[in-house]
Amino acid sequence: MPNAQRAEGYRRAMRDHALAEEIDIVSTSYTPEGGYRGAQEPLARPKRPTAVFAGEDVVAMGVLEAVAEAGLTVPGDISVAGYDNTTFVALGPISLTSVDQVGRAMGDNAARLLLERIADRRRPSAQVKPSPTLVPRRTTAAATGWIRRLVDGAWRGSAAEGFRVRA
């Protein structure tokens, strides 16, 4: 899913649940340096965020560095999560919570649909939308407050409907 769609889904879900005042998006480059720079300003605020969701796992690595440099702990002071569930984030020293966008399934579906279309060029095009899965690890704490309301099912009927959490 493109980053702009993710951000708009986040905004829509927050507005749908009367949480528009909590919307906070920092735009940065999709690199560790971008994550580091992007995290510095929110971490310096008097009211720091309780969690950061980075648009890619590699960006979350920079966020983790900025959190440590600020003298904060993960997940004690702030939770950090990434997106893509890349192989390295499951490693013990990192153990980053991440969203798995089922890349292998997307690739399998793309190949299958392509082969079906080649075999029958009159076949109508198809769109497959796999549901991402949250893979909780050691960088996130239990949700509280308005975040807890979302986790407890307020996502139903929102942009994030169909999202799963892996146990």
N, C-alpha and C. Protein backbone atom coordinates (compact mmCIF):
# COMPACT_ATOMS: atom_id res chain seq x y z
N MET A 1 0.85 -1.17 0.00
CA MET A 1 0.00 0.00 0.00
C MET A 1 0.90 1.24 0.00
N PRO A 2 0.65 2.15 -0.91
CA PRO A 2 1.46 3.38 -0.95
C PRO A 2 1.35 4.19 0.35
N ASN A 3 2.43 4.88 0.68
CA ASN A 3 2.50 5.64 1.92
C ASN A 3 1.39 6.68 2.04
N ALA A 4 1.06 7.34 0.93
CA ALA A 4 0.01 8.35 0.97
C ALA A 4 -1.33 7.72 1.36
N GLN A 5 -1.59 6.52 0.90
CA GLN A 5 -2.83 5.83 1.27
C GLN A 5 -2.83 5.45 2.76
N ARG A 6 -1.68 5.01 3.26
CA ARG A 6 -1.58 4.68 4.68
C ARG A 6 -1.87 5.92 5.53
N ALA A 7 -1.25 7.04 5.16
CA ALA A 7 -1.44 8.27 5.93
C ALA A 7 -2.89 8.73 5.88
N GLU A 8 -3.51 8.65 4.72
CA GLU A 8 -4.90 9.06 4.61
C GLU A 8 -5.81 8.11 5.38
N GLY A 9 -5.50 6.82 5.37
CA GLY A 9 -6.28 5.86 6.16
C GLY A 9 -6.19 6.17 7.64
N TYR A 10 -4.99 6.53 8.09
CA TYR A 10 -4.78 6.92 9.49
C TYR A 10 -5.61 8.15 9.82
N ARG A 11 -5.53 9.18 8.96
CA ARG A 11 -6.29 10.41 9.21
C ARG A 11 -7.79 10.13 9.26
N ARG A 12 -8.27 9.35 8.31
CA ARG A 12 -9.70 9.05 8.23
C ARG A 12 -10.16 8.27 9.47
N ALA A 13 -9.38 7.27 9.87
CA ALA A 13 -9.75 6.48 11.05
C ALA A 13 -9.77 7.36 12.30
N MET A 14 -8.81 8.25 12.43
CA MET A 14 -8.77 9.14 13.59
C MET A 14 -9.98 10.08 13.58
N ARG A 15 -10.30 10.65 12.41
CA ARG A 15 -11.47 11.54 12.32
C ARG A 15 -12.75 10.77 12.59
N ASP A 16 -12.86 9.56 12.05
CA ASP A 16 -14.06 8.73 12.24
C ASP A 16 -14.35 8.46 13.71
N HIS A 17 -13.32 8.52 14.53
CA HIS A 17 -13.48 8.21 15.95
C HIS A 17 -13.24 9.42 16.84
N ALA A 18 -13.52 10.61 16.27
CA ALA A 18 -13.45 11.87 17.02
C ALA A 18 -12.07 12.09 17.65
N LEU A 19 -11.03 11.70 16.93
CA LEU A 19 -9.66 11.86 17.44
C LEU A 19 -8.82 12.74 16.52
N ALA A 20 -9.47 13.62 15.78
CA ALA A 20 -8.76 14.46 14.83
C ALA A 20 -7.67 15.29 15.49
N GLU A 21 -7.91 15.73 16.74
CA GLU A 21 -6.91 16.56 17.44
C GLU A 21 -5.65 15.77 17.79
N GLU A 22 -5.70 14.46 17.71
CA GLU A 22 -4.54 13.62 18.02
C GLU A 22 -3.70 13.28 16.78
N ILE A 23 -4.16 13.67 15.59
CA ILE A 23 -3.43 13.36 14.36
C ILE A 23 -2.09 14.06 14.38
N ASP A 24 -1.04 13.31 14.13
CA ASP A 24 0.31 13.87 14.13
C ASP A 24 1.15 13.06 13.14
N ILE A 25 1.46 13.65 12.02
CA ILE A 25 2.26 12.98 11.00
C ILE A 25 3.50 13.82 10.73
N VAL A 26 4.66 13.18 10.77
CA VAL A 26 5.91 13.84 10.44
C VAL A 26 6.41 13.23 9.13
N SER A 27 6.60 14.05 8.12
CA SER A 27 7.10 13.56 6.84
C SER A 27 8.62 13.59 6.84
N THR A 28 9.21 12.52 6.34
CA THR A 28 10.66 12.41 6.32
C THR A 28 11.06 11.46 5.21
N SER A 29 12.35 11.32 4.99
CA SER A 29 12.81 10.37 3.99
C SER A 29 12.75 8.95 4.56
N TYR A 30 12.62 7.99 3.70
CA TYR A 30 12.52 6.59 4.11
C TYR A 30 13.89 5.97 4.24
N THR A 31 14.62 6.48 5.24
CA THR A 31 15.97 6.01 5.55
C THR A 31 16.12 6.02 7.07
N PRO A 32 17.13 5.35 7.60
CA PRO A 32 17.37 5.47 9.04
C PRO A 32 17.61 6.92 9.47
N GLU A 33 18.35 7.69 8.65
CA GLU A 33 18.58 9.10 8.97
C GLU A 33 17.28 9.87 9.00
N GLY A 34 16.38 9.57 8.05
CA GLY A 34 15.08 10.23 8.01
C GLY A 34 14.28 9.94 9.27
N GLY A 35 14.31 8.69 9.72
CA GLY A 35 13.61 8.32 10.95
C GLY A 35 14.19 9.03 12.16
N TYR A 36 15.51 9.12 12.19
CA TYR A 36 16.20 9.79 13.29
C TYR A 36 15.81 11.28 13.32
N ARG A 37 15.94 11.95 12.18
CA ARG A 37 15.60 13.38 12.11
C ARG A 37 14.12 13.62 12.37
N GLY A 38 13.28 12.75 11.79
CA GLY A 38 11.84 12.92 11.97
C GLY A 38 11.39 12.74 13.40
N ALA A 39 12.10 11.94 14.18
CA ALA A 39 11.72 11.69 15.57
C ALA A 39 12.21 12.77 16.52
N GLN A 40 13.24 13.51 16.16
CA GLN A 40 13.83 14.47 17.08
C GLN A 40 12.85 15.54 17.55
N GLU A 41 12.09 16.13 16.65
CA GLU A 41 11.17 17.21 17.03
C GLU A 41 10.06 16.71 17.96
N PRO A 42 9.34 15.63 17.61
CA PRO A 42 8.30 15.16 18.54
C PRO A 42 8.86 14.73 19.90
N LEU A 43 10.07 14.17 19.92
CA LEU A 43 10.66 13.73 21.19
C LEU A 43 11.08 14.92 22.07
N ALA A 44 11.28 16.08 21.47
CA ALA A 44 11.69 17.27 22.21
C ALA A 44 10.49 18.07 22.75
N ARG A 45 9.28 17.70 22.37
CA ARG A 45 8.09 18.42 22.83
C ARG A 45 7.87 18.22 24.32
N PRO A 46 7.23 19.20 24.96
CA PRO A 46 6.88 19.02 26.38
C PRO A 46 5.94 17.81 26.57
N LYS A 47 5.02 17.64 25.64
CA LYS A 47 4.11 16.48 25.66
C LYS A 47 4.56 15.54 24.54
N ARG A 48 5.44 14.61 24.90
CA ARG A 48 5.98 13.68 23.90
C ARG A 48 4.93 12.66 23.48
N PRO A 49 5.08 12.12 22.28
CA PRO A 49 4.17 11.04 21.89
C PRO A 49 4.42 9.80 22.75
N THR A 50 3.40 8.98 22.87
CA THR A 50 3.57 7.72 23.61
C THR A 50 3.96 6.60 22.66
N ALA A 51 3.81 6.86 21.36
CA ALA A 51 4.15 5.84 20.36
C ALA A 51 4.50 6.51 19.04
N VAL A 52 5.35 5.83 18.28
CA VAL A 52 5.70 6.27 16.92
C VAL A 52 5.49 5.08 15.99
N PHE A 53 4.77 5.33 14.90
CA PHE A 53 4.62 4.33 13.86
C PHE A 53 5.39 4.84 12.65
N ALA A 54 6.42 4.12 12.27
CA ALA A 54 7.25 4.52 11.12
C ALA A 54 6.72 3.81 9.88
N GLY A 55 6.72 4.51 8.77
CA GLY A 55 6.18 3.98 7.52
C GLY A 55 6.96 2.82 6.94
N GLU A 56 8.15 2.58 7.40
CA GLU A 56 8.96 1.42 6.99
C GLU A 56 9.83 1.02 8.17
N ASP A 57 10.19 -0.25 8.22
CA ASP A 57 11.04 -0.75 9.30
C ASP A 57 12.37 -0.02 9.36
N VAL A 58 12.95 0.26 8.21
CA VAL A 58 14.26 0.92 8.19
C VAL A 58 14.16 2.32 8.81
N VAL A 59 13.04 2.99 8.66
CA VAL A 59 12.83 4.30 9.27
C VAL A 59 12.73 4.14 10.79
N ALA A 60 12.08 3.07 11.23
CA ALA A 60 11.95 2.81 12.67
C ALA A 60 13.31 2.63 13.32
N MET A 61 14.30 2.13 12.58
CA MET A 61 15.64 1.98 13.15
C MET A 61 16.21 3.34 13.54
N GLY A 62 15.98 4.35 12.71
CA GLY A 62 16.41 5.71 13.04
C GLY A 62 15.64 6.28 14.21
N VAL A 63 14.34 5.96 14.29
CA VAL A 63 13.52 6.41 15.43
C VAL A 63 14.08 5.82 16.72
N LEU A 64 14.40 4.53 16.70
CA LEU A 64 14.96 3.88 17.90
C LEU A 64 16.25 4.56 18.34
N GLU A 65 17.07 4.96 17.38
CA GLU A 65 18.32 5.67 17.71
C GLU A 65 18.02 7.01 18.37
N ALA A 66 17.06 7.77 17.83
CA ALA A 66 16.71 9.07 18.40
C ALA A 66 16.12 8.92 19.80
N VAL A 67 15.32 7.88 20.01
CA VAL A 67 14.73 7.64 21.32
C VAL A 67 15.83 7.36 22.34
N ALA A 68 16.78 6.51 21.98
CA ALA A 68 17.89 6.19 22.89
C ALA A 68 18.72 7.43 23.18
N GLU A 69 19.00 8.23 22.15
CA GLU A 69 19.79 9.46 22.33
C GLU A 69 19.08 10.45 23.25
N ALA A 70 17.74 10.43 23.23
CA ALA A 70 16.97 11.33 24.09
C ALA A 70 16.90 10.82 25.54
N GLY A 71 17.52 9.67 25.79
CA GLY A 71 17.53 9.11 27.14
C GLY A 71 16.24 8.41 27.52
N LEU A 72 15.45 8.05 26.53
CA LEU A 72 14.18 7.37 26.77
C LEU A 72 14.32 5.88 26.52
N THR A 73 13.39 5.12 27.05
CA THR A 73 13.42 3.67 26.85
C THR A 73 12.25 3.22 26.00
N VAL A 74 12.49 2.13 25.28
CA VAL A 74 11.48 1.48 24.46
C VAL A 74 11.24 0.11 25.06
N PRO A 75 10.03 -0.26 25.40
CA PRO A 75 8.77 0.47 25.27
C PRO A 75 8.36 1.22 26.54
N GLY A 76 9.24 1.35 27.53
CA GLY A 76 8.88 1.99 28.78
C GLY A 76 8.36 3.41 28.63
N ASP A 77 9.09 4.25 27.89
CA ASP A 77 8.69 5.64 27.70
C ASP A 77 7.92 5.85 26.40
N ILE A 78 8.25 5.08 25.39
CA ILE A 78 7.63 5.27 24.08
C ILE A 78 7.66 3.93 23.33
N SER A 79 6.56 3.64 22.64
CA SER A 79 6.49 2.45 21.80
C SER A 79 6.88 2.83 20.38
N VAL A 80 7.51 1.89 19.67
CA VAL A 80 7.91 2.13 18.28
C VAL A 80 7.49 0.92 17.46
N ALA A 81 6.89 1.20 16.31
CA ALA A 81 6.49 0.14 15.38
C ALA A 81 6.87 0.55 13.97
N GLY A 82 7.12 -0.43 13.14
CA GLY A 82 7.47 -0.18 11.75
C GLY A 82 6.47 -0.84 10.81
N TYR A 83 6.81 -0.82 9.53
CA TYR A 83 5.95 -1.40 8.50
C TYR A 83 6.80 -2.18 7.52
N ASP A 84 6.44 -3.35 7.20
CA ASP A 84 7.02 -4.26 6.21
C ASP A 84 7.40 -5.60 6.83
N ASN A 85 7.65 -5.63 8.13
CA ASN A 85 8.07 -6.85 8.81
C ASN A 85 9.25 -7.51 8.08
N THR A 86 10.26 -6.72 7.80
CA THR A 86 11.45 -7.23 7.14
C THR A 86 12.16 -8.22 8.06
N THR A 87 12.92 -9.10 7.50
CA THR A 87 13.54 -10.20 8.24
C THR A 87 14.34 -9.73 9.45
N PHE A 88 15.11 -8.68 9.30
CA PHE A 88 16.01 -8.27 10.38
C PHE A 88 15.29 -7.77 11.61
N VAL A 89 14.04 -7.30 11.50
CA VAL A 89 13.37 -6.73 12.68
C VAL A 89 12.94 -7.78 13.69
N ALA A 90 12.92 -9.04 13.29
CA ALA A 90 12.56 -10.11 14.23
C ALA A 90 13.76 -10.56 15.06
N LEU A 91 14.96 -10.12 14.70
CA LEU A 91 16.15 -10.52 15.43
C LEU A 91 16.09 -10.03 16.87
N GLY A 92 16.55 -10.84 17.78
CA GLY A 92 16.49 -10.57 19.22
C GLY A 92 16.87 -9.17 19.65
N PRO A 93 18.03 -8.65 19.25
CA PRO A 93 18.42 -7.32 19.73
C PRO A 93 17.48 -6.21 19.26
N ILE A 94 16.80 -6.41 18.16
CA ILE A 94 15.90 -5.38 17.64
C ILE A 94 14.47 -5.67 18.10
N SER A 95 13.94 -6.80 17.72
CA SER A 95 12.60 -7.25 18.09
C SER A 95 11.57 -6.14 17.94
N LEU A 96 11.51 -5.56 16.73
CA LEU A 96 10.63 -4.44 16.42
C LEU A 96 9.22 -4.92 16.08
N THR A 97 8.23 -4.33 16.72
CA THR A 97 6.85 -4.55 16.32
C THR A 97 6.70 -4.00 14.91
N SER A 98 6.03 -4.75 14.04
CA SER A 98 5.93 -4.32 12.66
C SER A 98 4.64 -4.82 12.02
N VAL A 99 4.22 -4.14 10.98
CA VAL A 99 3.07 -4.56 10.19
C VAL A 99 3.58 -5.39 9.02
N ASP A 100 3.09 -6.61 8.94
CA ASP A 100 3.45 -7.50 7.83
C ASP A 100 2.42 -7.30 6.73
N GLN A 101 2.88 -6.79 5.60
CA GLN A 101 1.95 -6.54 4.50
C GLN A 101 1.84 -7.73 3.55
N VAL A 102 2.20 -8.88 4.03
CA VAL A 102 2.13 -10.15 3.31
C VAL A 102 2.69 -10.03 1.88
N GLY A 103 3.94 -9.58 1.82
CA GLY A 103 4.60 -9.38 0.54
C GLY A 103 4.66 -10.64 -0.30
N ARG A 104 4.92 -11.78 0.33
CA ARG A 104 4.97 -13.03 -0.43
C ARG A 104 3.62 -13.34 -1.08
N ALA A 105 2.55 -13.15 -0.32
CA ALA A 105 1.21 -13.40 -0.86
C ALA A 105 0.91 -12.44 -2.01
N MET A 106 1.34 -11.19 -1.87
CA MET A 106 1.13 -10.22 -2.95
C MET A 106 1.88 -10.66 -4.21
N GLY A 107 3.12 -11.12 -4.03
CA GLY A 107 3.90 -11.60 -5.17
C GLY A 107 3.28 -12.82 -5.81
N ASP A 108 2.83 -13.77 -4.97
CA ASP A 108 2.15 -14.98 -5.48
C ASP A 108 0.91 -14.61 -6.28
N ASN A 109 0.11 -13.70 -5.73
CA ASN A 109 -1.10 -13.27 -6.43
C ASN A 109 -0.78 -12.55 -7.73
N ALA A 110 0.24 -11.71 -7.72
CA ALA A 110 0.62 -10.98 -8.93
C ALA A 110 1.04 -11.95 -10.04
N ALA A 111 1.85 -12.94 -9.68
CA ALA A 111 2.29 -13.94 -10.67
C ALA A 111 1.10 -14.74 -11.19
N ARG A 112 0.23 -15.18 -10.28
CA ARG A 112 -0.94 -15.97 -10.68
C ARG A 112 -1.84 -15.16 -11.62
N LEU A 113 -2.13 -13.91 -11.26
CA LEU A 113 -3.00 -13.07 -12.09
C LEU A 113 -2.38 -12.79 -13.45
N LEU A 114 -1.07 -12.59 -13.48
CA LEU A 114 -0.38 -12.36 -14.74
C LEU A 114 -0.48 -13.59 -15.64
N LEU A 115 -0.21 -14.76 -15.09
CA LEU A 115 -0.30 -15.99 -15.88
C LEU A 115 -1.72 -16.25 -16.37
N GLU A 116 -2.70 -15.98 -15.53
CA GLU A 116 -4.10 -16.14 -15.95
C GLU A 116 -4.44 -15.17 -17.07
N ARG A 117 -3.94 -13.95 -16.99
CA ARG A 117 -4.22 -12.94 -18.03
C ARG A 117 -3.52 -13.30 -19.34
N ILE A 118 -2.31 -13.84 -19.26
CA ILE A 118 -1.59 -14.27 -20.46
C ILE A 118 -2.34 -15.41 -21.14
N ALA A 119 -2.85 -16.34 -20.33
CA ALA A 119 -3.58 -17.49 -20.86
C ALA A 119 -4.90 -17.08 -21.49
N ASP A 120 -5.53 -16.05 -20.98
CA ASP A 120 -6.83 -15.60 -21.50
C ASP A 120 -6.86 -14.08 -21.47
N ARG A 121 -6.46 -13.46 -22.59
CA ARG A 121 -6.35 -12.00 -22.65
C ARG A 121 -7.70 -11.29 -22.52
N ARG A 122 -8.80 -12.01 -22.69
CA ARG A 122 -10.12 -11.40 -22.53
C ARG A 122 -10.58 -11.42 -21.08
N ARG A 123 -9.85 -12.12 -20.28
CA ARG A 123 -10.20 -12.22 -18.85
C ARG A 123 -10.18 -10.81 -18.24
N PRO A 124 -11.22 -10.47 -17.48
CA PRO A 124 -11.22 -9.13 -16.87
C PRO A 124 -10.12 -9.02 -15.81
N SER A 125 -9.64 -7.82 -15.64
CA SER A 125 -8.59 -7.61 -14.64
C SER A 125 -9.18 -7.82 -13.25
N ALA A 126 -8.32 -8.17 -12.33
CA ALA A 126 -8.75 -8.42 -10.96
C ALA A 126 -7.87 -7.64 -10.00
N GLN A 127 -8.43 -7.30 -8.87
CA GLN A 127 -7.67 -6.61 -7.85
C GLN A 127 -7.75 -7.43 -6.57
N VAL A 128 -6.60 -7.70 -5.99
CA VAL A 128 -6.53 -8.47 -4.75
C VAL A 128 -5.96 -7.56 -3.67
N LYS A 129 -6.64 -7.49 -2.53
CA LYS A 129 -6.18 -6.65 -1.43
C LYS A 129 -6.00 -7.52 -0.19
N PRO A 130 -4.78 -8.02 0.02
CA PRO A 130 -4.55 -8.82 1.23
C PRO A 130 -4.60 -7.94 2.48
N SER A 131 -4.98 -8.51 3.59
CA SER A 131 -5.05 -7.77 4.86
C SER A 131 -3.71 -7.81 5.56
N PRO A 132 -3.18 -6.65 5.94
CA PRO A 132 -1.93 -6.64 6.70
C PRO A 132 -2.15 -7.19 8.10
N THR A 133 -1.07 -7.60 8.73
CA THR A 133 -1.12 -8.18 10.07
C THR A 133 -0.11 -7.48 10.96
N LEU A 134 -0.53 -7.07 12.14
CA LEU A 134 0.38 -6.50 13.12
C LEU A 134 1.12 -7.64 13.81
N VAL A 135 2.45 -7.56 13.85
CA VAL A 135 3.28 -8.57 14.51
C VAL A 135 3.90 -7.90 15.74
N PRO A 136 3.26 -8.07 16.92
CA PRO A 136 3.78 -7.42 18.13
C PRO A 136 5.08 -8.05 18.60
N ARG A 137 6.04 -7.20 18.96
CA ARG A 137 7.30 -7.67 19.53
C ARG A 137 7.64 -6.78 20.73
N ARG A 138 8.91 -6.67 21.06
CA ARG A 138 9.31 -6.01 22.31
C ARG A 138 9.35 -4.48 22.27
N THR A 139 9.10 -3.85 21.14
CA THR A 139 9.21 -2.39 21.08
C THR A 139 7.89 -1.68 21.35
N THR A 140 6.85 -2.42 21.69
CA THR A 140 5.58 -1.77 21.98
C THR A 140 5.02 -2.24 23.32
N ALA A 141 4.42 -1.29 24.04
CA ALA A 141 3.77 -1.57 25.33
C ALA A 141 2.28 -1.69 25.10
N ALA A 142 1.56 -2.10 26.10
CA ALA A 142 0.10 -2.18 26.02
C ALA A 142 -0.48 -0.80 25.74
N ALA A 143 -1.49 -0.76 24.90
CA ALA A 143 -2.14 0.50 24.56
C ALA A 143 -2.96 1.02 25.73
N THR A 144 -3.03 2.36 25.84
CA THR A 144 -3.83 3.00 26.88
C THR A 144 -4.62 4.14 26.25
N GLY A 145 -5.59 4.68 26.99
CA GLY A 145 -6.33 5.87 26.57
C GLY A 145 -7.04 5.69 25.25
N TRP A 146 -6.99 6.73 24.41
CA TRP A 146 -7.70 6.71 23.14
C TRP A 146 -7.17 5.63 22.21
N ILE A 147 -5.89 5.28 22.34
CA ILE A 147 -5.35 4.21 21.51
C ILE A 147 -6.02 2.89 21.89
N ARG A 148 -6.25 2.68 23.17
CA ARG A 148 -6.92 1.45 23.63
C ARG A 148 -8.30 1.34 23.00
N ARG A 149 -9.02 2.48 22.89
CA ARG A 149 -10.35 2.46 22.26
C ARG A 149 -10.27 1.95 20.83
N LEU A 150 -9.24 2.38 20.12
CA LEU A 150 -9.08 1.92 18.74
C LEU A 150 -8.76 0.43 18.69
N VAL A 151 -7.85 0.01 19.54
CA VAL A 151 -7.43 -1.39 19.56
C VAL A 151 -8.58 -2.29 19.96
N ASP A 152 -9.45 -1.82 20.83
CA ASP A 152 -10.57 -2.62 21.33
C ASP A 152 -11.71 -2.76 20.34
N GLY A 153 -11.54 -2.34 19.12
CA GLY A 153 -12.57 -2.60 18.12
C GLY A 153 -13.14 -1.38 17.46
N ALA A 154 -12.69 -0.21 17.82
CA ALA A 154 -13.24 0.99 17.20
C ALA A 154 -12.85 1.09 15.73
N TRP A 155 -11.92 0.26 15.27
CA TRP A 155 -11.52 0.29 13.86
C TRP A 155 -12.63 -0.22 12.96
N ARG A 156 -13.58 -1.01 13.50
CA ARG A 156 -14.64 -1.56 12.65
C ARG A 156 -15.33 -0.44 11.88
N GLY A 157 -15.48 -0.64 10.60
CA GLY A 157 -16.12 0.34 9.75
C GLY A 157 -15.20 1.47 9.33
N SER A 158 -13.93 1.40 9.73
CA SER A 158 -12.99 2.48 9.38
C SER A 158 -12.05 2.02 8.28
N ALA A 159 -11.11 2.88 7.95
CA ALA A 159 -10.13 2.57 6.91
C ALA A 159 -9.27 1.38 7.26
N ALA A 160 -9.17 1.03 8.55
CA ALA A 160 -8.31 -0.06 8.97
C ALA A 160 -9.07 -1.38 9.15
N GLU A 161 -10.32 -1.40 8.73
CA GLU A 161 -11.10 -2.64 8.88
C GLU A 161 -10.40 -3.76 8.12
N GLY A 162 -10.39 -4.93 8.68
CA GLY A 162 -9.74 -6.08 8.05
C GLY A 162 -8.33 -6.28 8.53
N PHE A 163 -7.82 -5.33 9.28
CA PHE A 163 -6.47 -5.41 9.84
C PHE A 163 -6.46 -6.49 10.91
N ARG A 164 -5.43 -7.30 10.96
CA ARG A 164 -5.34 -8.39 11.95
C ARG A 164 -4.13 -8.18 12.84
N VAL A 165 -4.19 -8.81 14.01
CA VAL A 165 -3.05 -8.82 14.93
C VAL A 165 -2.63 -10.26 15.11
N ARG A 166 -1.35 -10.53 14.83
CA ARG A 166 -0.80 -11.89 15.00
C ARG A 166 -0.48 -12.10 16.46
N ALA A 167 -0.92 -13.20 17.02
CA ALA A 167 -0.66 -13.48 18.43
C ALA A 167 0.76 -13.92 18.64
